[in-house]
Amino acid sequence: MSLAHVGHWYAELLYVAPVVLVAGWLALAGRREKRRGPAAGGGRDEHA
């Protein structure tokens, strides 16, 4: 079995990279929100 041509890998990377970046960003944001805890408000406006 041989590896695909580099052009094929590059084309696939163009589709996969944005998905991986967004998933990583959401995971990081979730961790930051958990670390802040309830004292930070969690992004909700309790006076509304």
PDB file of N, CA and C in Angstrom:
ATOM      1  N   MET A   1       0.849  -1.183   0.000  1.00  0.00           N
ATOM      2  CA  MET A   1       0.000   0.000   0.000  1.00  0.00           C
ATOM      3  C   MET A   1       0.894   1.245   0.000  1.00  0.00           C
ATOM      4  N   SER A   2       0.617   2.159  -0.873  1.00  0.00           N
ATOM      5  CA  SER A   2       1.427   3.371  -0.959  1.00  0.00           C
ATOM      6  C   SER A   2       0.652   4.574  -0.422  1.00  0.00           C
ATOM      7  N   LEU A   3       1.385   5.572  -0.036  1.00  0.00           N
ATOM      8  CA  LEU A   3       0.754   6.795   0.450  1.00  0.00           C
ATOM      9  C   LEU A   3       0.183   7.592  -0.708  1.00  0.00           C
ATOM     10  N   ALA A   4      -0.820   8.366  -0.409  1.00  0.00           N
ATOM     11  CA  ALA A   4      -1.436   9.201  -1.435  1.00  0.00           C
ATOM     12  C   ALA A   4      -0.487  10.324  -1.840  1.00  0.00           C
ATOM     13  N   HIS A   5      -0.746  10.868  -2.979  1.00  0.00           N
ATOM     14  CA  HIS A   5       0.021  12.003  -3.475  1.00  0.00           C
ATOM     15  C   HIS A   5      -0.137  13.179  -2.509  1.00  0.00           C
ATOM     16  N   VAL A   6       0.910  13.961  -2.363  1.00  0.00           N
ATOM     17  CA  VAL A   6       0.896  15.094  -1.423  1.00  0.00           C
ATOM     18  C   VAL A   6      -0.264  16.046  -1.714  1.00  0.00           C
ATOM     19  N   GLY A   7      -0.612  16.198  -2.966  1.00  0.00           N
ATOM     20  CA  GLY A   7      -1.737  17.063  -3.331  1.00  0.00           C
ATOM     21  C   GLY A   7      -3.051  16.590  -2.736  1.00  0.00           C
ATOM     22  N   HIS A   8      -3.227  15.275  -2.618  1.00  0.00           N
ATOM     23  CA  HIS A   8      -4.439  14.743  -2.012  1.00  0.00           C
ATOM     24  C   HIS A   8      -4.480  15.060  -0.517  1.00  0.00           C
ATOM     25  N   TRP A   9      -3.345  14.905   0.144  1.00  0.00           N
ATOM     26  CA  TRP A   9      -3.278  15.228   1.573  1.00  0.00           C
ATOM     27  C   TRP A   9      -3.559  16.705   1.805  1.00  0.00           C
ATOM     28  N   TYR A  10      -3.023  17.553   0.938  1.00  0.00           N
ATOM     29  CA  TYR A  10      -3.222  18.998   1.073  1.00  0.00           C
ATOM     30  C   TYR A  10      -4.702  19.356   0.901  1.00  0.00           C
ATOM     31  N   ALA A  11      -5.355  18.745  -0.075  1.00  0.00           N
ATOM     32  CA  ALA A  11      -6.770  19.018  -0.313  1.00  0.00           C
ATOM     33  C   ALA A  11      -7.616  18.573   0.882  1.00  0.00           C
ATOM     34  N   GLU A  12      -7.305  17.421   1.454  1.00  0.00           N
ATOM     35  CA  GLU A  12      -8.037  16.942   2.626  1.00  0.00           C
ATOM     36  C   GLU A  12      -7.794  17.847   3.830  1.00  0.00           C
ATOM     37  N   LEU A  13      -6.578  18.321   3.971  1.00  0.00           N
ATOM     38  CA  LEU A  13      -6.240  19.202   5.084  1.00  0.00           C
ATOM     39  C   LEU A  13      -7.049  20.498   5.030  1.00  0.00           C
ATOM     40  N   LEU A  14      -7.321  20.980   3.834  1.00  0.00           N
ATOM     41  CA  LEU A  14      -8.115  22.201   3.696  1.00  0.00           C
ATOM     42  C   LEU A  14      -9.530  22.017   4.231  1.00  0.00           C
ATOM     43  N   TYR A  15     -10.051  20.812   4.150  1.00  0.00           N
ATOM     44  CA  TYR A  15     -11.383  20.542   4.677  1.00  0.00           C
ATOM     45  C   TYR A  15     -11.363  20.251   6.169  1.00  0.00           C
ATOM     46  N   VAL A  16     -10.344  19.563   6.645  1.00  0.00           N
ATOM     47  CA  VAL A  16     -10.297  19.103   8.029  1.00  0.00           C
ATOM     48  C   VAL A  16      -9.795  20.186   8.983  1.00  0.00           C
ATOM     49  N   ALA A  17      -8.859  21.000   8.561  1.00  0.00           N
ATOM     50  CA  ALA A  17      -8.234  21.985   9.446  1.00  0.00           C
ATOM     51  C   ALA A  17      -9.236  22.942  10.100  1.00  0.00           C
ATOM     52  N   PRO A  18     -10.180  23.539   9.369  1.00  0.00           N
ATOM     53  CA  PRO A  18     -11.127  24.447  10.036  1.00  0.00           C
ATOM     54  C   PRO A  18     -11.985  23.742  11.082  1.00  0.00           C
ATOM     55  N   VAL A  19     -12.359  22.505  10.816  1.00  0.00           N
ATOM     56  CA  VAL A  19     -13.162  21.753  11.780  1.00  0.00           C
ATOM     57  C   VAL A  19     -12.359  21.505  13.051  1.00  0.00           C
ATOM     58  N   VAL A  20     -11.112  21.115  12.896  1.00  0.00           N
ATOM     59  CA  VAL A  20     -10.246  20.855  14.048  1.00  0.00           C
ATOM     60  C   VAL A  20     -10.006  22.144  14.834  1.00  0.00           C
ATOM     61  N   LEU A  21      -9.798  23.241  14.139  1.00  0.00           N
ATOM     62  CA  LEU A  21      -9.571  24.514  14.827  1.00  0.00           C
ATOM     63  C   LEU A  21     -10.790  24.961  15.624  1.00  0.00           C
ATOM     64  N   VAL A  22     -11.976  24.857  15.046  1.00  0.00           N
ATOM     65  CA  VAL A  22     -13.195  25.265  15.746  1.00  0.00           C
ATOM     66  C   VAL A  22     -13.456  24.352  16.942  1.00  0.00           C
ATOM     67  N   ALA A  23     -13.269  23.051  16.763  1.00  0.00           N
ATOM     68  CA  ALA A  23     -13.473  22.108  17.870  1.00  0.00           C
ATOM     69  C   ALA A  23     -12.483  22.392  19.001  1.00  0.00           C
ATOM     70  N   GLY A  24     -11.248  22.681  18.665  1.00  0.00           N
ATOM     71  CA  GLY A  24     -10.249  23.011  19.676  1.00  0.00           C
ATOM     72  C   GLY A  24     -10.582  24.299  20.398  1.00  0.00           C
ATOM     73  N   TRP A  25     -11.041  25.279  19.651  1.00  0.00           N
ATOM     74  CA  TRP A  25     -11.414  26.571  20.252  1.00  0.00           C
ATOM     75  C   TRP A  25     -12.578  26.398  21.233  1.00  0.00           C
ATOM     76  N   LEU A  26     -13.583  25.607  20.846  1.00  0.00           N
ATOM     77  CA  LEU A  26     -14.722  25.372  21.724  1.00  0.00           C
ATOM     78  C   LEU A  26     -14.308  24.604  22.976  1.00  0.00           C
ATOM     79  N   ALA A  27     -13.424  23.638  22.818  1.00  0.00           N
ATOM     80  CA  ALA A  27     -12.940  22.876  23.968  1.00  0.00           C
ATOM     81  C   ALA A  27     -12.173  23.785  24.926  1.00  0.00           C
ATOM     82  N   LEU A  28     -11.339  24.648  24.389  1.00  0.00           N
ATOM     83  CA  LEU A  28     -10.570  25.573  25.215  1.00  0.00           C
ATOM     84  C   LEU A  28     -11.494  26.559  25.934  1.00  0.00           C
ATOM     85  N   ALA A  29     -12.485  27.076  25.227  1.00  0.00           N
ATOM     86  CA  ALA A  29     -13.423  28.007  25.842  1.00  0.00           C
ATOM     87  C   ALA A  29     -14.216  27.322  26.957  1.00  0.00           C
ATOM     88  N   GLY A  30     -14.587  26.058  26.755  1.00  0.00           N
ATOM     89  CA  GLY A  30     -15.300  25.317  27.783  1.00  0.00           C
ATOM     90  C   GLY A  30     -14.462  25.120  29.029  1.00  0.00           C
ATOM     91  N   ARG A  31     -13.194  24.824  28.847  1.00  0.00           N
ATOM     92  CA  ARG A  31     -12.297  24.658  29.996  1.00  0.00           C
ATOM     93  C   ARG A  31     -12.130  25.967  30.756  1.00  0.00           C
ATOM     94  N   ARG A  32     -11.984  27.052  30.011  1.00  0.00           N
ATOM     95  CA  ARG A  32     -11.834  28.353  30.678  1.00  0.00           C
ATOM     96  C   ARG A  32     -13.074  28.704  31.483  1.00  0.00           C
ATOM     97  N   GLU A  33     -14.242  28.413  30.918  1.00  0.00           N
ATOM     98  CA  GLU A  33     -15.499  28.720  31.602  1.00  0.00           C
ATOM     99  C   GLU A  33     -15.652  27.881  32.869  1.00  0.00           C
ATOM    100  N   LYS A  34     -15.256  26.615  32.811  1.00  0.00           N
ATOM    101  CA  LYS A  34     -15.323  25.757  33.988  1.00  0.00           C
ATOM    102  C   LYS A  34     -14.370  26.249  35.072  1.00  0.00           C
ATOM    103  N   ARG A  35     -13.203  26.722  34.648  1.00  0.00           N
ATOM    104  CA  ARG A  35     -12.196  27.172  35.607  1.00  0.00           C
ATOM    105  C   ARG A  35     -12.657  28.437  36.330  1.00  0.00           C
ATOM    106  N   ARG A  36     -13.400  29.293  35.649  1.00  0.00           N
ATOM    107  CA  ARG A  36     -13.863  30.539  36.275  1.00  0.00           C
ATOM    108  C   ARG A  36     -14.863  30.276  37.381  1.00  0.00           C
ATOM    109  N   GLY A  37     -15.721  29.297  37.192  1.00  0.00           N
ATOM    110  CA  GLY A  37     -16.683  28.927  38.215  1.00  0.00           C
ATOM    111  C   GLY A  37     -17.897  29.833  38.220  1.00  0.00           C
ATOM    112  N   PRO A  38     -18.798  29.604  39.173  1.00  0.00           N
ATOM    113  CA  PRO A  38     -20.046  30.352  39.218  1.00  0.00           C
ATOM    114  C   PRO A  38     -19.879  31.817  39.630  1.00  0.00           C
ATOM    115  N   ALA A  39     -18.781  32.170  40.247  1.00  0.00           N
ATOM    116  CA  ALA A  39     -18.579  33.560  40.694  1.00  0.00           C
ATOM    117  C   ALA A  39     -18.454  34.521  39.517  1.00  0.00           C
ATOM    118  N   ALA A  40     -18.049  34.014  38.350  1.00  0.00           N
ATOM    119  CA  ALA A  40     -17.888  34.877  37.185  1.00  0.00           C
ATOM    120  C   ALA A  40     -19.210  35.148  36.487  1.00  0.00           C
ATOM    121  N   GLY A  41     -20.269  34.481  36.871  1.00  0.00           N
ATOM    122  CA  GLY A  41     -21.570  34.735  36.282  1.00  0.00           C
ATOM    123  C   GLY A  41     -21.924  33.796  35.161  1.00  0.00           C
ATOM    124  N   GLY A  42     -20.946  33.132  34.568  1.00  0.00           N
ATOM    125  CA  GLY A  42     -21.223  32.171  33.516  1.00  0.00           C
ATOM    126  C   GLY A  42     -21.804  32.773  32.254  1.00  0.00           C
ATOM    127  N   GLY A  43     -21.694  34.100  32.095  1.00  0.00           N
ATOM    128  CA  GLY A  43     -22.193  34.741  30.888  1.00  0.00           C
ATOM    129  C   GLY A  43     -23.672  35.055  30.913  1.00  0.00           C
ATOM    130  N   ARG A  44     -24.350  34.736  32.012  1.00  0.00           N
ATOM    131  CA  ARG A  44     -25.794  35.008  32.111  1.00  0.00           C
ATOM    132  C   ARG A  44     -26.027  36.295  32.882  1.00  0.00           C
ATOM    133  N   ASP A  45     -26.996  37.052  32.436  1.00  0.00           N
ATOM    134  CA  ASP A  45     -27.371  38.276  33.132  1.00  0.00           C
ATOM    135  C   ASP A  45     -28.497  37.955  34.110  1.00  0.00           C
ATOM    136  N   GLU A  46     -28.206  37.975  35.401  1.00  0.00           N
ATOM    137  CA  GLU A  46     -29.189  37.564  36.392  1.00  0.00           C
ATOM    138  C   GLU A  46     -30.182  38.683  36.726  1.00  0.00           C
ATOM    139  N   HIS A  47     -29.965  39.887  36.225  1.00  0.00           N
ATOM    140  CA  HIS A  47     -30.853  41.000  36.505  1.00  0.00           C
ATOM    141  C   HIS A  47     -31.920  41.182  35.436  1.00  0.00           C
ATOM    142  N   ALA A  48     -31.899  40.364  34.414  1.00  0.00           N
ATOM    143  CA  ALA A  48     -32.859  40.520  33.309  1.00  0.00           C
ATOM    144  C   ALA A  48     -34.221  39.993  33.653  1.00  0.00           C
TER     145      ALA A  48
END
